[in-house]
């Protein structure tokens, strides 16, 4: 009788444990889902400056930005949406595909190649206007990173090109980081041998300066 009671007890305990597994699984699923839901997904959408031209993956802007924000206590995941050589026209053409990852926040860094190719600022403005319009319709937060025209294109070109970023940021009421290469442009120690693309130290400088702007947008949703 005692043997049967012990066997019945063990069987009953085992049954309760196994029958409870779906509940445990459900709780784990909810916990993981909750963690993912609280994570802000950031899309760094740009050209070679974002993609990490000439750098290792670990040295690229998106990776360093994610590391910086996480070190500052923010739960973020930064997606590298950079494409070397991309213009604002190219960015516009691939934006819908890039948004498939459902980002909460997009850092738009485009226009440097437009200026290098001497593309009319009106074309750059039109493309960025369309990009910002699509992002507004998608309901995502935006940080627009400004760019500056090379001095060899003349004062008139520079005035129109440099000013379009602030104009568009105001039009769409989005945050503006005035110059993506602030503190890095024309500083040999912070650039690769081509003088245009930041080296690892240059990327760290960019990240240190832009991270507070990104963090404010992340905090807005926390």
Protein backbone atom coordinates (compact mmCIF):
# COMPACT_ATOMS: atom_id res chain seq x y z
CA UNK A 1 0.00 0.00 0.00
CA UNK A 2 2.87 2.31 0.87
CA UNK A 3 4.61 1.42 -2.41
CA UNK A 4 1.53 2.16 -4.42
CA UNK A 5 1.09 5.47 -2.64
CA UNK A 6 4.64 6.54 -3.37
CA UNK A 7 4.31 5.49 -6.99
CA UNK A 8 1.04 7.39 -7.24
CA UNK A 9 2.69 10.44 -5.68
CA UNK A 10 5.62 10.34 -8.13
CA UNK A 11 3.28 9.85 -11.06
CA UNK A 12 1.08 12.72 -9.95
CA UNK A 13 4.06 15.02 -9.45
CA UNK A 14 5.49 14.08 -12.84
CA UNK A 15 2.11 14.68 -14.49
CA UNK A 16 1.78 18.09 -12.91
CA UNK A 17 5.27 19.07 -14.01
CA UNK A 18 4.81 17.98 -17.60
CA UNK A 19 1.30 19.37 -17.80
CA UNK A 20 2.70 22.69 -16.60
CA UNK A 21 5.29 22.88 -19.36
CA UNK A 22 3.02 24.71 -21.82
CA UNK A 23 2.47 27.36 -19.17
CA UNK A 24 6.19 27.67 -18.54
CA UNK A 25 6.80 27.92 -22.27
CA UNK A 26 4.12 30.57 -22.55
CA UNK A 27 5.63 32.57 -19.72
CA UNK A 28 9.07 32.37 -21.31
CA UNK A 29 7.62 33.45 -24.66
CA UNK A 30 5.90 36.41 -23.03
CA UNK A 31 9.10 37.39 -21.26
CA UNK A 32 11.12 37.26 -24.47
CA UNK A 33 8.41 39.07 -26.41
CA UNK A 34 8.28 41.75 -23.76
CA UNK A 35 12.03 42.22 -23.97
CA UNK A 36 11.88 42.55 -27.75
CA UNK A 37 8.96 44.94 -27.53
CA UNK A 38 10.95 47.22 -25.23
CA UNK A 39 13.94 47.25 -27.59
CA UNK A 40 14.13 50.27 -29.89
CA UNK A 41 15.08 49.30 -33.44
CA UNK A 42 17.17 51.95 -35.16
CA UNK A 43 17.86 51.95 -38.89
CA UNK A 44 21.03 53.78 -39.90
CA UNK A 45 20.15 54.62 -43.48
CA UNK A 46 22.87 56.14 -45.57
CA UNK A 47 25.85 55.78 -47.85
CA UNK A 48 29.45 54.63 -47.32
CA UNK A 49 29.78 56.78 -44.20
CA UNK A 50 27.11 54.62 -42.62
CA UNK A 51 28.04 51.35 -44.32
CA UNK A 52 31.59 51.44 -42.97
CA UNK A 53 33.67 51.79 -46.12
CA UNK A 54 37.27 50.73 -45.48
CA UNK A 55 36.49 49.53 -41.95
CA UNK A 56 35.79 46.21 -40.32
CA UNK A 57 32.17 45.47 -39.48
CA UNK A 58 32.94 46.05 -35.81
CA UNK A 59 34.28 49.53 -36.58
CA UNK A 60 31.26 50.70 -38.58
CA UNK A 61 28.98 53.50 -37.48
CA UNK A 62 25.91 51.32 -36.75
CA UNK A 63 27.87 48.88 -34.58
CA UNK A 64 29.67 51.60 -32.65
CA UNK A 65 26.43 53.56 -32.20
CA UNK A 66 24.64 50.52 -30.81
CA UNK A 67 27.51 49.82 -28.43
CA UNK A 68 27.54 53.43 -27.22
CA UNK A 69 23.80 53.59 -26.64
CA UNK A 70 23.75 50.24 -24.85
CA UNK A 71 26.63 51.37 -22.65
CA UNK A 72 24.49 54.38 -21.77
CA UNK A 73 21.71 52.05 -20.63
CA UNK A 74 19.43 52.10 -23.66
CA UNK A 75 17.92 48.90 -25.06
CA UNK A 76 18.52 49.37 -28.78
CA UNK A 77 19.35 47.42 -31.90
CA UNK A 78 20.96 49.35 -34.75
CA UNK A 79 20.59 48.01 -38.29
CA UNK A 80 23.19 48.87 -40.91
CA UNK A 81 21.23 50.28 -43.84
CA UNK A 82 24.24 51.91 -45.47
CA UNK A 83 25.20 51.38 -49.10
CA UNK A 84 28.53 52.67 -50.40
CA UNK A 85 28.18 55.08 -53.30
CA UNK A 86 24.50 55.68 -52.67
CA UNK A 87 22.89 58.99 -53.59
CA UNK A 88 19.60 60.39 -52.37
CA UNK A 89 18.00 58.96 -55.53
CA UNK A 90 19.33 55.51 -54.69
CA UNK A 91 18.22 55.86 -51.09
CA UNK A 92 14.70 56.75 -52.14
CA UNK A 93 14.52 53.74 -54.46
CA UNK A 94 15.46 51.27 -51.72
CA UNK A 95 13.70 52.84 -48.75
CA UNK A 96 10.62 50.61 -48.86
CA UNK A 97 12.84 47.53 -48.75
CA UNK A 98 14.87 48.97 -45.87
CA UNK A 99 11.71 49.60 -43.84
CA UNK A 100 10.83 45.90 -43.93
CA UNK A 101 12.71 45.56 -40.62
CA UNK A 102 10.06 47.80 -39.00
CA UNK A 103 12.42 50.30 -37.36
CA UNK A 104 11.18 52.63 -34.63
CA UNK A 105 13.75 55.28 -35.52
CA UNK A 106 15.67 56.08 -38.71
CA UNK A 107 18.90 58.06 -38.90
CA UNK A 108 18.99 59.45 -42.45
CA UNK A 109 22.53 60.15 -43.67
CA UNK A 110 22.47 60.86 -47.40
CA UNK A 111 23.62 63.57 -49.77
CA UNK A 112 27.41 63.42 -49.67
CA UNK A 113 27.58 61.58 -53.00
CA UNK A 114 25.08 63.98 -54.54
CA UNK A 115 27.45 66.84 -53.76
CA UNK A 116 30.54 64.94 -54.90
CA UNK A 117 28.84 64.33 -58.25
CA UNK A 118 27.67 67.92 -58.52
CA UNK A 119 24.01 66.89 -58.62
CA UNK A 120 21.71 69.91 -58.50
CA UNK A 121 20.67 70.67 -54.90
CA UNK A 122 17.06 70.84 -56.07
CA UNK A 123 17.26 67.14 -56.98
CA UNK A 124 18.76 66.28 -53.59
CA UNK A 125 16.05 68.29 -51.85
CA UNK A 126 13.29 66.56 -53.80
CA UNK A 127 14.63 63.09 -52.99
CA UNK A 128 15.12 63.80 -49.30
CA UNK A 129 11.66 65.37 -49.21
CA UNK A 130 10.21 62.14 -50.57
CA UNK A 131 12.24 60.03 -48.13
CA UNK A 132 11.04 62.07 -45.16
CA UNK A 133 7.47 61.92 -46.43
CA UNK A 134 7.63 58.13 -46.61
CA UNK A 135 9.08 57.92 -43.11
CA UNK A 136 6.34 60.19 -41.79
CA UNK A 137 3.71 57.99 -43.40
CA UNK A 138 5.38 54.94 -41.86
CA UNK A 139 5.08 56.52 -38.43
CA UNK A 140 8.75 56.29 -37.50
CA UNK A 141 10.86 58.84 -35.68
CA UNK A 142 13.65 60.47 -37.69
CA UNK A 143 17.01 62.04 -37.12
CA UNK A 144 18.14 63.82 -40.27
CA UNK A 145 21.92 64.11 -40.52
CA UNK A 146 23.04 67.10 -42.51
CA UNK A 147 25.88 67.22 -44.99
CA UNK A 148 27.97 70.03 -46.44
CA UNK A 149 29.04 70.61 -50.02
CA UNK A 150 32.73 70.45 -50.96
CA UNK A 151 34.27 73.94 -51.25
CA UNK A 152 35.26 73.43 -54.90
CA UNK A 153 31.60 73.62 -55.96
CA UNK A 154 31.38 77.31 -55.12
CA UNK A 155 29.52 79.46 -52.63
CA UNK A 156 26.19 79.45 -54.45
CA UNK A 157 26.00 75.66 -54.61
CA UNK A 158 27.12 75.33 -50.99
CA UNK A 159 24.57 77.85 -49.74
CA UNK A 160 21.66 76.05 -51.37
CA UNK A 161 22.89 72.52 -50.64
CA UNK A 162 23.90 73.11 -47.02
CA UNK A 163 20.64 74.86 -46.22
CA UNK A 164 18.25 72.22 -47.54
CA UNK A 165 18.68 69.94 -44.50
CA UNK A 166 17.47 72.50 -41.98
CA UNK A 167 14.61 73.46 -44.29
CA UNK A 168 13.42 69.85 -44.60
CA UNK A 169 13.83 69.14 -40.91
CA UNK A 170 11.60 72.11 -40.17
CA UNK A 171 9.07 71.11 -42.82
CA UNK A 172 8.65 67.62 -41.39
CA UNK A 173 9.30 68.59 -37.77
CA UNK A 174 12.08 66.04 -37.37
CA UNK A 175 15.28 66.23 -35.35
CA UNK A 176 18.34 67.56 -37.16
CA UNK A 177 21.99 66.74 -36.56
CA UNK A 178 23.51 69.63 -38.54
CA UNK A 179 26.62 67.93 -39.96
CA UNK A 180 27.30 64.19 -39.85
CA UNK A 181 31.07 64.69 -40.17
CA UNK A 182 31.28 67.36 -37.51
CA UNK A 183 34.68 67.25 -35.82
CA UNK A 184 35.99 64.75 -38.37
CA UNK A 185 35.93 66.43 -41.80
CA UNK A 186 39.36 67.69 -42.88
CA UNK A 187 41.07 66.20 -39.80
CA UNK A 188 43.75 63.86 -41.21
CA UNK A 189 44.13 61.83 -38.02
CA UNK A 190 40.44 60.93 -38.10
CA UNK A 191 40.19 59.97 -41.76
CA UNK A 192 41.41 57.23 -44.03
CA UNK A 193 44.04 57.92 -46.69
CA UNK A 194 41.39 59.13 -49.16
CA UNK A 195 40.64 62.07 -46.87
CA UNK A 196 36.88 61.52 -47.16
CA UNK A 197 35.99 58.42 -45.15
CA UNK A 198 36.44 58.34 -41.38
CA UNK A 199 38.76 55.80 -39.85
CA UNK A 200 37.83 53.94 -36.66
CA UNK A 201 38.81 56.89 -34.47
CA UNK A 202 36.75 59.17 -36.72
CA UNK A 203 33.71 56.94 -36.36
CA UNK A 204 34.09 57.05 -32.59
CA UNK A 205 34.14 60.85 -32.74
CA UNK A 206 30.98 60.90 -34.86
CA UNK A 207 29.25 58.47 -32.50
CA UNK A 208 30.19 60.46 -29.40
CA UNK A 209 28.71 63.61 -30.93
CA UNK A 210 25.57 62.21 -32.49
CA UNK A 211 24.64 59.71 -29.77
CA UNK A 212 22.94 62.29 -27.51
CA UNK A 213 20.65 63.28 -30.40
CA UNK A 214 19.72 59.64 -31.00
CA UNK A 215 19.29 58.97 -27.28
CA UNK A 216 16.78 61.81 -26.94
CA UNK A 217 14.63 60.24 -29.66
CA UNK A 218 14.88 56.83 -28.01
CA UNK A 219 13.89 58.33 -24.66
CA UNK A 220 10.86 59.99 -26.27
CA UNK A 221 9.38 56.53 -26.74
CA UNK A 222 10.36 55.10 -23.36
